[in-house]
Amino acid sequence: MGFCASDTTIRMTRGDTAKFNVTIRNKNTGEPYEPVEGEIVRFSLKKYLTDPAPMLVKDIPIDTMILKIKPEDTKSFPFGVYHYDMELIHRNGDTDTFIEDSIFELTREVG
């Protein structure tokens, strides 16, 4: 099984609250896929792809499929460009990365 997403760049102001609707589609058919009980949808963020561990990991509730980034999640991060991906972890442990290396930009606020 393979999954994909489009329009994957995220841009937000550092220290703000952000909510993003997450949609998973079957790569072969284009049909929406809804995770089932026991599956995990996970967002991971790194500054550099070569970093050994993510700076931020968020599990997305499968009942809402909304990624919520809270102010404290990014407040201490430097402004700039980061890399993220999202994956679906099936009950048997198989993993499908449905958003591959994508851009996440933290911007400054004016006020």
PDB file of N, CA and C in Angstrom:
ATOM      1  N   MET A   1       0.861  -1.168   0.000  1.00  0.00           N
ATOM      2  CA  MET A   1       0.000   0.000   0.000  1.00  0.00           C
ATOM      3  C   MET A   1       0.904   1.226   0.000  1.00  0.00           C
ATOM      4  N   GLY A   2       0.526   2.255  -0.709  1.00  0.00           N
ATOM      5  CA  GLY A   2       1.290   3.490  -0.714  1.00  0.00           C
ATOM      6  C   GLY A   2       0.357   4.662  -0.559  1.00  0.00           C
ATOM      7  N   PHE A   3       0.847   5.704   0.048  1.00  0.00           N
ATOM      8  CA  PHE A   3       0.033   6.881   0.300  1.00  0.00           C
ATOM      9  C   PHE A   3       0.760   8.122  -0.158  1.00  0.00           C
ATOM     10  N   CYS A   4       0.017   9.184  -0.422  1.00  0.00           N
ATOM     11  CA  CYS A   4       0.638  10.415  -0.898  1.00  0.00           C
ATOM     12  C   CYS A   4      -0.173  11.619  -0.447  1.00  0.00           C
ATOM     13  N   ALA A   5       0.401  12.789  -0.615  1.00  0.00           N
ATOM     14  CA  ALA A   5      -0.276  14.049  -0.319  1.00  0.00           C
ATOM     15  C   ALA A   5       0.248  15.078  -1.304  1.00  0.00           C
ATOM     16  N   SER A   6      -0.489  16.174  -1.459  1.00  0.00           N
ATOM     17  CA  SER A   6      -0.003  17.250  -2.317  1.00  0.00           C
ATOM     18  C   SER A   6      -0.091  18.555  -1.544  1.00  0.00           C
ATOM     19  N   ASP A   7       0.540  19.601  -2.092  1.00  0.00           N
ATOM     20  CA  ASP A   7       0.521  20.898  -1.412  1.00  0.00           C
ATOM     21  C   ASP A   7       1.024  20.764   0.022  1.00  0.00           C
ATOM     22  N   THR A   8       2.264  20.383   0.190  1.00  0.00           N
ATOM     23  CA  THR A   8       2.757  19.990   1.506  1.00  0.00           C
ATOM     24  C   THR A   8       3.595  21.035   2.234  1.00  0.00           C
ATOM     25  N   THR A   9       3.832  22.195   1.657  1.00  0.00           N
ATOM     26  CA  THR A   9       4.619  23.222   2.347  1.00  0.00           C
ATOM     27  C   THR A   9       3.799  23.829   3.478  1.00  0.00           C
ATOM     28  N   ILE A  10       4.408  23.929   4.654  1.00  0.00           N
ATOM     29  CA  ILE A  10       3.772  24.568   5.807  1.00  0.00           C
ATOM     30  C   ILE A  10       4.578  25.816   6.137  1.00  0.00           C
ATOM     31  N   ARG A  11       3.862  26.910   6.315  1.00  0.00           N
ATOM     32  CA  ARG A  11       4.498  28.165   6.711  1.00  0.00           C
ATOM     33  C   ARG A  11       3.686  28.741   7.859  1.00  0.00           C
ATOM     34  N   MET A  12       4.344  29.028   8.982  1.00  0.00           N
ATOM     35  CA  MET A  12       3.633  29.563  10.138  1.00  0.00           C
ATOM     36  C   MET A  12       4.537  30.484  10.942  1.00  0.00           C
ATOM     37  N   THR A  13       3.920  31.328  11.760  1.00  0.00           N
ATOM     38  CA  THR A  13       4.660  32.241  12.621  1.00  0.00           C
ATOM     39  C   THR A  13       5.104  31.502  13.871  1.00  0.00           C
ATOM     40  N   ARG A  14       6.362  31.631  14.202  1.00  0.00           N
ATOM     41  CA  ARG A  14       6.918  30.966  15.383  1.00  0.00           C
ATOM     42  C   ARG A  14       6.127  31.372  16.623  1.00  0.00           C
ATOM     43  N   GLY A  15       5.777  30.392  17.448  1.00  0.00           N
ATOM     44  CA  GLY A  15       5.078  30.652  18.695  1.00  0.00           C
ATOM     45  C   GLY A  15       3.574  30.811  18.570  1.00  0.00           C
ATOM     46  N   ASP A  16       3.032  30.664  17.369  1.00  0.00           N
ATOM     47  CA  ASP A  16       1.583  30.730  17.190  1.00  0.00           C
ATOM     48  C   ASP A  16       0.968  29.335  17.339  1.00  0.00           C
ATOM     49  N   THR A  17      -0.354  29.312  17.393  1.00  0.00           N
ATOM     50  CA  THR A  17      -1.094  28.061  17.327  1.00  0.00           C
ATOM     51  C   THR A  17      -1.469  27.830  15.869  1.00  0.00           C
ATOM     52  N   ALA A  18      -1.296  26.608  15.397  1.00  0.00           N
ATOM     53  CA  ALA A  18      -1.672  26.285  14.019  1.00  0.00           C
ATOM     54  C   ALA A  18      -2.382  24.938  14.009  1.00  0.00           C
ATOM     55  N   LYS A  19      -3.415  24.845  13.181  1.00  0.00           N
ATOM     56  CA  LYS A  19      -4.147  23.595  13.003  1.00  0.00           C
ATOM     57  C   LYS A  19      -4.197  23.287  11.516  1.00  0.00           C
ATOM     58  N   PHE A  20      -3.845  22.058  11.182  1.00  0.00           N
ATOM     59  CA  PHE A  20      -3.818  21.628   9.792  1.00  0.00           C
ATOM     60  C   PHE A  20      -4.620  20.350   9.644  1.00  0.00           C
ATOM     61  N   ASN A  21      -5.557  20.348   8.698  1.00  0.00           N
ATOM     62  CA  ASN A  21      -6.284  19.129   8.381  1.00  0.00           C
ATOM     63  C   ASN A  21      -5.367  18.211   7.597  1.00  0.00           C
ATOM     64  N   VAL A  22      -5.319  16.956   7.984  1.00  0.00           N
ATOM     65  CA  VAL A  22      -4.459  15.983   7.337  1.00  0.00           C
ATOM     66  C   VAL A  22      -5.337  14.996   6.571  1.00  0.00           C
ATOM     67  N   THR A  23      -5.014  14.810   5.305  1.00  0.00           N
ATOM     68  CA  THR A  23      -5.735  13.853   4.473  1.00  0.00           C
ATOM     69  C   THR A  23      -4.740  12.852   3.921  1.00  0.00           C
ATOM     70  N   ILE A  24      -5.099  11.597   4.002  1.00  0.00           N
ATOM     71  CA  ILE A  24      -4.259  10.527   3.455  1.00  0.00           C
ATOM     72  C   ILE A  24      -5.007   9.947   2.253  1.00  0.00           C
ATOM     73  N   ARG A  25      -4.279   9.759   1.172  1.00  0.00           N
ATOM     74  CA  ARG A  25      -4.876   9.151  -0.026  1.00  0.00           C
ATOM     75  C   ARG A  25      -4.055   7.943  -0.453  1.00  0.00           C
ATOM     76  N   ASN A  26      -4.750   6.934  -0.933  1.00  0.00           N
ATOM     77  CA  ASN A  26      -4.090   5.755  -1.475  1.00  0.00           C
ATOM     78  C   ASN A  26      -3.359   6.175  -2.750  1.00  0.00           C
ATOM     79  N   LYS A  27      -2.071   5.913  -2.801  1.00  0.00           N
ATOM     80  CA  LYS A  27      -1.239   6.339  -3.933  1.00  0.00           C
ATOM     81  C   LYS A  27      -1.708   5.715  -5.249  1.00  0.00           C
ATOM     82  N   ASN A  28      -2.221   4.495  -5.195  1.00  0.00           N
ATOM     83  CA  ASN A  28      -2.615   3.784  -6.413  1.00  0.00           C
ATOM     84  C   ASN A  28      -3.984   4.211  -6.931  1.00  0.00           C
ATOM     85  N   THR A  29      -4.933   4.456  -6.031  1.00  0.00           N
ATOM     86  CA  THR A  29      -6.302   4.741  -6.455  1.00  0.00           C
ATOM     87  C   THR A  29      -6.709   6.198  -6.286  1.00  0.00           C
ATOM     88  N   GLY A  30      -6.000   6.942  -5.435  1.00  0.00           N
ATOM     89  CA  GLY A  30      -6.371   8.321  -5.149  1.00  0.00           C
ATOM     90  C   GLY A  30      -7.501   8.440  -4.143  1.00  0.00           C
ATOM     91  N   GLU A  31      -8.015   7.318  -3.697  1.00  0.00           N
ATOM     92  CA  GLU A  31      -9.114   7.311  -2.737  1.00  0.00           C
ATOM     93  C   GLU A  31      -8.621   7.738  -1.355  1.00  0.00           C
ATOM     94  N   PRO A  32      -9.446   8.482  -0.614  1.00  0.00           N
ATOM     95  CA  PRO A  32      -9.077   8.841   0.758  1.00  0.00           C
ATOM     96  C   PRO A  32      -8.957   7.582   1.622  1.00  0.00           C
ATOM     97  N   TYR A  33      -8.021   7.625   2.545  1.00  0.00           N
ATOM     98  CA  TYR A  33      -7.840   6.522   3.493  1.00  0.00           C
ATOM     99  C   TYR A  33      -8.069   7.064   4.892  1.00  0.00           C
ATOM    100  N   GLU A  34      -8.903   6.402   5.653  1.00  0.00           N
ATOM    101  CA  GLU A  34      -9.158   6.791   7.035  1.00  0.00           C
ATOM    102  C   GLU A  34      -8.500   5.774   7.959  1.00  0.00           C
ATOM    103  N   PRO A  35      -7.568   6.245   8.787  1.00  0.00           N
ATOM    104  CA  PRO A  35      -6.906   5.323   9.716  1.00  0.00           C
ATOM    105  C   PRO A  35      -7.909   4.653  10.642  1.00  0.00           C
ATOM    106  N   VAL A  36      -7.550   3.453  11.058  1.00  0.00           N
ATOM    107  CA  VAL A  36      -8.409   2.680  11.950  1.00  0.00           C
ATOM    108  C   VAL A  36      -7.766   2.573  13.324  1.00  0.00           C
ATOM    109  N   GLU A  37      -8.572   2.198  14.303  1.00  0.00           N
ATOM    110  CA  GLU A  37      -8.107   2.011  15.676  1.00  0.00           C
ATOM    111  C   GLU A  37      -6.812   1.208  15.698  1.00  0.00           C
ATOM    112  N   GLY A  38      -5.824   1.715  16.410  1.00  0.00           N
ATOM    113  CA  GLY A  38      -4.536   1.036  16.524  1.00  0.00           C
ATOM    114  C   GLY A  38      -3.492   1.536  15.549  1.00  0.00           C
ATOM    115  N   GLU A  39      -3.904   2.319  14.549  1.00  0.00           N
ATOM    116  CA  GLU A  39      -2.930   2.919  13.637  1.00  0.00           C
ATOM    117  C   GLU A  39      -2.521   4.281  14.185  1.00  0.00           C
ATOM    118  N   ILE A  40      -1.331   4.725  13.809  1.00  0.00           N
ATOM    119  CA  ILE A  40      -0.791   6.000  14.285  1.00  0.00           C
ATOM    120  C   ILE A  40      -0.438   6.856  13.074  1.00  0.00           C
ATOM    121  N   VAL A  41      -0.825   8.131  13.121  1.00  0.00           N
ATOM    122  CA  VAL A  41      -0.409   9.099  12.115  1.00  0.00           C
ATOM    123  C   VAL A  41       0.553  10.046  12.828  1.00  0.00           C
ATOM    124  N   ARG A  42       1.770  10.143  12.306  1.00  0.00           N
ATOM    125  CA  ARG A  42       2.825  10.871  13.015  1.00  0.00           C
ATOM    126  C   ARG A  42       3.495  11.925  12.129  1.00  0.00           C
ATOM    127  N   PHE A  43       3.673  13.118  12.721  1.00  0.00           N
ATOM    128  CA  PHE A  43       4.390  14.253  12.126  1.00  0.00           C
ATOM    129  C   PHE A  43       5.747  14.331  12.802  1.00  0.00           C
ATOM    130  N   SER A  44       6.816  14.479  12.013  1.00  0.00           N
ATOM    131  CA  SER A  44       8.174  14.628  12.564  1.00  0.00           C
ATOM    132  C   SER A  44       8.865  15.797  11.878  1.00  0.00           C
ATOM    133  N   LEU A  45       9.554  16.624  12.690  1.00  0.00           N
ATOM    134  CA  LEU A  45      10.201  17.840  12.196  1.00  0.00           C
ATOM    135  C   LEU A  45      11.680  17.834  12.562  1.00  0.00           C
ATOM    136  N   LYS A  46      12.512  18.155  11.587  1.00  0.00           N
ATOM    137  CA  LYS A  46      13.954  18.296  11.801  1.00  0.00           C
ATOM    138  C   LYS A  46      14.435  19.599  11.180  1.00  0.00           C
ATOM    139  N   LYS A  47      15.508  20.151  11.729  1.00  0.00           N
ATOM    140  CA  LYS A  47      16.145  21.317  11.107  1.00  0.00           C
ATOM    141  C   LYS A  47      16.895  20.860   9.855  1.00  0.00           C
ATOM    142  N   TYR A  48      17.686  19.821  10.005  1.00  0.00           N
ATOM    143  CA  TYR A  48      18.463  19.274   8.886  1.00  0.00           C
ATOM    144  C   TYR A  48      18.114  17.796   8.736  1.00  0.00           C
ATOM    145  N   LEU A  49      18.050  17.332   7.507  1.00  0.00           N
ATOM    146  CA  LEU A  49      17.719  15.930   7.271  1.00  0.00           C
ATOM    147  C   LEU A  49      18.700  14.987   7.943  1.00  0.00           C
ATOM    148  N   THR A  50      19.940  15.440   8.131  1.00  0.00           N
ATOM    149  CA  THR A  50      20.968  14.591   8.727  1.00  0.00           C
ATOM    150  C   THR A  50      20.931  14.575  10.254  1.00  0.00           C
ATOM    151  N   ASP A  51      20.055  15.395  10.864  1.00  0.00           N
ATOM    152  CA  ASP A  51      19.938  15.381  12.326  1.00  0.00           C
ATOM    153  C   ASP A  51      19.567  13.973  12.784  1.00  0.00           C
ATOM    154  N   PRO A  52      20.170  13.501  13.876  1.00  0.00           N
ATOM    155  CA  PRO A  52      19.896  12.129  14.322  1.00  0.00           C
ATOM    156  C   PRO A  52      18.466  11.909  14.834  1.00  0.00           C
ATOM    157  N   ALA A  53      17.844  12.951  15.357  1.00  0.00           N
ATOM    158  CA  ALA A  53      16.496  12.786  15.916  1.00  0.00           C
ATOM    159  C   ALA A  53      15.665  14.022  15.582  1.00  0.00           C
ATOM    160  N   PRO A  54      14.357  13.853  15.472  1.00  0.00           N
ATOM    161  CA  PRO A  54      13.492  15.007  15.221  1.00  0.00           C
ATOM    162  C   PRO A  54      13.481  15.983  16.400  1.00  0.00           C
ATOM    163  N   MET A  55      13.258  17.255  16.096  1.00  0.00           N
ATOM    164  CA  MET A  55      13.103  18.292  17.121  1.00  0.00           C
ATOM    165  C   MET A  55      11.693  18.267  17.699  1.00  0.00           C
ATOM    166  N   LEU A  56      10.756  17.822  16.884  1.00  0.00           N
ATOM    167  CA  LEU A  56       9.355  17.819  17.281  1.00  0.00           C
ATOM    168  C   LEU A  56       8.676  16.608  16.651  1.00  0.00           C
ATOM    169  N   VAL A  57       7.949  15.872  17.467  1.00  0.00           N
ATOM    170  CA  VAL A  57       7.152  14.738  16.998  1.00  0.00           C
ATOM    171  C   VAL A  57       5.752  14.907  17.566  1.00  0.00           C
ATOM    172  N   LYS A  58       4.747  14.820  16.701  1.00  0.00           N
ATOM    173  CA  LYS A  58       3.359  14.946  17.131  1.00  0.00           C
ATOM    174  C   LYS A  58       2.555  13.793  16.530  1.00  0.00           C
ATOM    175  N   ASP A  59       1.850  13.063  17.381  1.00  0.00           N
ATOM    176  CA  ASP A  59       0.913  12.067  16.881  1.00  0.00           C
ATOM    177  C   ASP A  59      -0.406  12.774  16.626  1.00  0.00           C
ATOM    178  N   ILE A  60      -0.978  12.541  15.468  1.00  0.00           N
ATOM    179  CA  ILE A  60      -2.201  13.198  15.042  1.00  0.00           C
ATOM    180  C   ILE A  60      -3.376  12.297  15.401  1.00  0.00           C
ATOM    181  N   PRO A  61      -4.355  12.818  16.156  1.00  0.00           N
ATOM    182  CA  PRO A  61      -5.504  11.985  16.537  1.00  0.00           C
ATOM    183  C   PRO A  61      -6.254  11.481  15.296  1.00  0.00           C
ATOM    184  N   ILE A  62      -6.469  10.172  15.227  1.00  0.00           N
ATOM    185  CA  ILE A  62      -7.122   9.627  14.030  1.00  0.00           C
ATOM    186  C   ILE A  62      -8.611   9.966  13.979  1.00  0.00           C
ATOM    187  N   ASP A  63      -9.190  10.380  15.101  1.00  0.00           N
ATOM    188  CA  ASP A  63     -10.619  10.734  15.071  1.00  0.00           C
ATOM    189  C   ASP A  63     -10.855  12.129  14.494  1.00  0.00           C
ATOM    190  N   THR A  64      -9.846  13.007  14.545  1.00  0.00           N
ATOM    191  CA  THR A  64     -10.004  14.359  13.987  1.00  0.00           C
ATOM    192  C   THR A  64      -9.140  14.577  12.750  1.00  0.00           C
ATOM    193  N   MET A  65      -8.014  13.885  12.671  1.00  0.00           N
ATOM    194  CA  MET A  65      -7.019  14.067  11.608  1.00  0.00           C
ATOM    195  C   MET A  65      -6.601  15.536  11.501  1.00  0.00           C
ATOM    196  N   ILE A  66      -6.421  16.164  12.666  1.00  0.00           N
ATOM    197  CA  ILE A  66      -5.951  17.550  12.713  1.00  0.00           C
ATOM    198  C   ILE A  66      -4.613  17.592  13.446  1.00  0.00           C
ATOM    199  N   LEU A  67      -3.599  18.092  12.748  1.00  0.00           N
ATOM    200  CA  LEU A  67      -2.301  18.338  13.363  1.00  0.00           C
ATOM    201  C   LEU A  67      -2.390  19.684  14.056  1.00  0.00           C
ATOM    202  N   LYS A  68      -2.207  19.692  15.374  1.00  0.00           N
ATOM    203  CA  LYS A  68      -2.240  20.946  16.123  1.00  0.00           C
ATOM    204  C   LYS A  68      -0.843  21.228  16.648  1.00  0.00           C
ATOM    205  N   ILE A  69      -0.327  22.380  16.255  1.00  0.00           N
ATOM    206  CA  ILE A  69       0.972  22.837  16.745  1.00  0.00           C
ATOM    207  C   ILE A  69       0.696  23.958  17.727  1.00  0.00           C
ATOM    208  N   LYS A  70       1.144  23.768  18.955  1.00  0.00           N
ATOM    209  CA  LYS A  70       0.903  24.730  20.025  1.00  0.00           C
ATOM    210  C   LYS A  70       2.051  25.737  20.088  1.00  0.00           C
ATOM    211  N   PRO A  71       1.802  26.913  20.698  1.00  0.00           N
ATOM    212  CA  PRO A  71       2.871  27.928  20.801  1.00  0.00           C
ATOM    213  C   PRO A  71       4.162  27.383  21.405  1.00  0.00           C
ATOM    214  N   GLU A  72       4.052  26.576  22.447  1.00  0.00           N
ATOM    215  CA  GLU A  72       5.257  26.061  23.098  1.00  0.00           C
ATOM    216  C   GLU A  72       6.028  25.061  22.232  1.00  0.00           C
ATOM    217  N   ASP A  73       5.388  24.520  21.192  1.00  0.00           N
ATOM    218  CA  ASP A  73       6.068  23.575  20.300  1.00  0.00           C
ATOM    219  C   ASP A  73       7.159  24.247  19.472  1.00  0.00           C
ATOM    220  N   THR A  74       6.972  25.526  19.108  1.00  0.00           N
ATOM    221  CA  THR A  74       7.939  26.205  18.225  1.00  0.00           C
ATOM    222  C   THR A  74       8.574  27.444  18.838  1.00  0.00           C
ATOM    223  N   LYS A  75       8.111  27.851  20.002  1.00  0.00           N
ATOM    224  CA  LYS A  75       8.542  29.117  20.622  1.00  0.00           C
ATOM    225  C   LYS A  75      10.064  29.269  20.710  1.00  0.00           C
ATOM    226  N   SER A  76      10.769  28.193  20.996  1.00  0.00           N
ATOM    227  CA  SER A  76      12.218  28.281  21.185  1.00  0.00           C
ATOM    228  C   SER A  76      13.015  27.950  19.915  1.00  0.00           C
ATOM    229  N   PHE A  77      12.329  27.639  18.822  1.00  0.00           N
ATOM    230  CA  PHE A  77      13.035  27.290  17.585  1.00  0.00           C
ATOM    231  C   PHE A  77      13.497  28.554  16.860  1.00  0.00           C
ATOM    232  N   PRO A  78      14.693  28.520  16.264  1.00  0.00           N
ATOM    233  CA  PRO A  78      15.133  29.658  15.447  1.00  0.00           C
ATOM    234  C   PRO A  78      14.221  29.816  14.218  1.00  0.00           C
ATOM    235  N   PHE A  79      14.089  31.046  13.735  1.00  0.00           N
ATOM    236  CA  PHE A  79      13.361  31.278  12.489  1.00  0.00           C
ATOM    237  C   PHE A  79      14.071  30.533  11.376  1.00  0.00           C
ATOM    238  N   GLY A  80      13.336  30.165  10.353  1.00  0.00           N
ATOM    239  CA  GLY A  80      13.984  29.554   9.201  1.00  0.00           C
ATOM    240  C   GLY A  80      13.227  28.375   8.640  1.00  0.00           C
ATOM    241  N   VAL A  81      13.936  27.643   7.787  1.00  0.00           N
ATOM    242  CA  VAL A  81      13.362  26.518   7.057  1.00  0.00           C
ATOM    243  C   VAL A  81      13.746  25.218   7.740  1.00  0.00           C
ATOM    244  N   TYR A  82      12.760  24.334   7.864  1.00  0.00           N
ATOM    245  CA  TYR A  82      12.916  23.008   8.464  1.00  0.00           C
ATOM    246  C   TYR A  82      12.393  21.971   7.476  1.00  0.00           C
ATOM    247  N   HIS A  83      12.534  20.706   7.851  1.00  0.00           N
ATOM    248  CA  HIS A  83      12.041  19.595   7.041  1.00  0.00           C
ATOM    249  C   HIS A  83      11.102  18.754   7.893  1.00  0.00           C
ATOM    250  N   TYR A  84      10.014  18.316   7.286  1.00  0.00           N
ATOM    251  CA  TYR A  84       9.099  17.434   8.005  1.00  0.00           C
ATOM    252  C   TYR A  84       8.602  16.326   7.091  1.00  0.00           C
ATOM    253  N   ASP A  85       8.076  15.303   7.727  1.00  0.00           N
ATOM    254  CA  ASP A  85       7.333  14.282   6.998  1.00  0.00           C
ATOM    255  C   ASP A  85       6.182  13.798   7.871  1.00  0.00           C
ATOM    256  N   MET A  86       5.291  13.041   7.271  1.00  0.00           N
ATOM    257  CA  MET A  86       4.188  12.416   8.000  1.00  0.00           C
ATOM    258  C   MET A  86       4.109  10.972   7.563  1.00  0.00           C
ATOM    259  N   GLU A  87       3.838  10.120   8.548  1.00  0.00           N
ATOM    260  CA  GLU A  87       3.760   8.702   8.239  1.00  0.00           C
ATOM    261  C   GLU A  87       2.563   8.061   8.917  1.00  0.00           C
ATOM    262  N   LEU A  88       2.107   7.008   8.302  1.00  0.00           N
ATOM    263  CA  LEU A  88       1.041   6.180   8.841  1.00  0.00           C
ATOM    264  C   LEU A  88       1.686   4.892   9.312  1.00  0.00           C
ATOM    265  N   ILE A  89       1.526   4.592  10.596  1.00  0.00           N
ATOM    266  CA  ILE A  89       2.079   3.364  11.158  1.00  0.00           C
ATOM    267  C   ILE A  89       0.907   2.417  11.382  1.00  0.00           C
ATOM    268  N   HIS A  90       0.924   1.322  10.656  1.00  0.00           N
ATOM    269  CA  HIS A  90      -0.163   0.345  10.728  1.00  0.00           C
ATOM    270  C   HIS A  90      -0.051  -0.493  11.999  1.00  0.00           C
ATOM    271  N   ARG A  91      -1.125  -1.167  12.341  1.00  0.00           N
ATOM    272  CA  ARG A  91      -1.157  -1.997  13.558  1.00  0.00           C
ATOM    273  C   ARG A  91      -0.081  -3.065  13.563  1.00  0.00           C
ATOM    274  N   ASN A  92       0.288  -3.566  12.388  1.00  0.00           N
ATOM    275  CA  ASN A  92       1.312  -4.624  12.317  1.00  0.00           C
ATOM    276  C   ASN A  92       2.732  -4.058  12.317  1.00  0.00           C
ATOM    277  N   GLY A  93       2.854  -2.712  12.411  1.00  0.00           N
ATOM    278  CA  GLY A  93       4.173  -2.079  12.446  1.00  0.00           C
ATOM    279  C   GLY A  93       4.664  -1.575  11.104  1.00  0.00           C
ATOM    280  N   ASP A  94       4.000  -1.971  10.006  1.00  0.00           N
ATOM    281  CA  ASP A  94       4.386  -1.453   8.695  1.00  0.00           C
ATOM    282  C   ASP A  94       4.186   0.058   8.682  1.00  0.00           C
ATOM    283  N   THR A  95       5.078   0.758   7.996  1.00  0.00           N
ATOM    284  CA  THR A  95       5.018   2.217   7.947  1.00  0.00           C
ATOM    285  C   THR A  95       4.933   2.695   6.509  1.00  0.00           C
ATOM    286  N   ASP A  96       4.006   3.631   6.257  1.00  0.00           N
ATOM    287  CA  ASP A  96       3.883   4.304   4.968  1.00  0.00           C
ATOM    288  C   ASP A  96       4.102   5.790   5.197  1.00  0.00           C
ATOM    289  N   THR A  97       5.147   6.343   4.598  1.00  0.00           N
ATOM    290  CA  THR A  97       5.374   7.781   4.668  1.00  0.00           C
ATOM    291  C   THR A  97       4.541   8.406   3.555  1.00  0.00           C
ATOM    292  N   PHE A  98       3.481   9.114   3.928  1.00  0.00           N
ATOM    293  CA  PHE A  98       2.576   9.654   2.917  1.00  0.00           C
ATOM    294  C   PHE A  98       2.874  11.110   2.583  1.00  0.00           C
ATOM    295  N   ILE A  99       3.653  11.793   3.413  1.00  0.00           N
ATOM    296  CA  ILE A  99       4.238  13.083   3.033  1.00  0.00           C
ATOM    297  C   ILE A  99       5.737  12.941   3.252  1.00  0.00           C
ATOM    298  N   GLU A 100       6.463  12.921   2.153  1.00  0.00           N
ATOM    299  CA  GLU A 100       7.915  12.791   2.231  1.00  0.00           C
ATOM    300  C   GLU A 100       8.531  14.164   2.453  1.00  0.00           C
ATOM    301  N   ASP A 101       9.806  14.213   2.723  1.00  0.00           N
ATOM    302  CA  ASP A 101      10.570  15.431   3.005  1.00  0.00           C
ATOM    303  C   ASP A 101       9.914  16.675   2.401  1.00  0.00           C
ATOM    304  N   SER A 102       9.322  17.474   3.257  1.00  0.00           N
ATOM    305  CA  SER A 102       8.630  18.695   2.839  1.00  0.00           C
ATOM    306  C   SER A 102       9.103  19.880   3.672  1.00  0.00           C
ATOM    307  N   ILE A 103       8.826  21.066   3.177  1.00  0.00           N
ATOM    308  CA  ILE A 103       9.298  22.302   3.807  1.00  0.00           C
ATOM    309  C   ILE A 103       8.334  22.774   4.891  1.00  0.00           C
ATOM    310  N   PHE A 104       8.926  23.167   6.013  1.00  0.00           N
ATOM    311  CA  PHE A 104       8.203  23.767   7.140  1.00  0.00           C
ATOM    312  C   PHE A 104       8.967  25.029   7.477  1.00  0.00           C
ATOM    313  N   GLU A 105       8.338  26.191   7.292  1.00  0.00           N
ATOM    314  CA  GLU A 105       9.032  27.452   7.516  1.00  0.00           C
ATOM    315  C   GLU A 105       8.442  28.178   8.722  1.00  0.00           C
ATOM    316  N   LEU A 106       9.318  28.570   9.637  1.00  0.00           N
ATOM    317  CA  LEU A 106       8.922  29.386  10.788  1.00  0.00           C
ATOM    318  C   LEU A 106       9.299  30.824  10.501  1.00  0.00           C
ATOM    319  N   THR A 107       8.294  31.689  10.538  1.00  0.00           N
ATOM    320  CA  THR A 107       8.518  33.105  10.232  1.00  0.00           C
ATOM    321  C   THR A 107       8.410  33.947  11.498  1.00  0.00           C
ATOM    322  N   ARG A 108       8.850  35.188  11.420  1.00  0.00           N
ATOM    323  CA  ARG A 108       8.785  36.123  12.540  1.00  0.00           C
ATOM    324  C   ARG A 108       7.412  36.795  12.566  1.00  0.00           C
ATOM    325  N   GLU A 109       7.028  37.214  13.763  1.00  0.00           N
ATOM    326  CA  GLU A 109       5.823  38.022  13.824  1.00  0.00           C
ATOM    327  C   GLU A 109       6.224  39.493  13.811  1.00  0.00           C
ATOM    328  N   VAL A 110       5.358  40.343  13.326  1.00  0.00           N
ATOM    329  CA  VAL A 110       5.671  41.761  13.182  1.00  0.00           C
ATOM    330  C   VAL A 110       5.556  42.494  14.513  1.00  0.00           C
ATOM    331  N   GLY A 111       4.561  42.120  15.330  1.00  0.00           N
ATOM    332  CA  GLY A 111       4.286  42.863  16.556  1.00  0.00           C
ATOM    333  C   GLY A 111       5.140  42.560  17.715  1.00  0.00           C
TER     334      GLY A 111
END
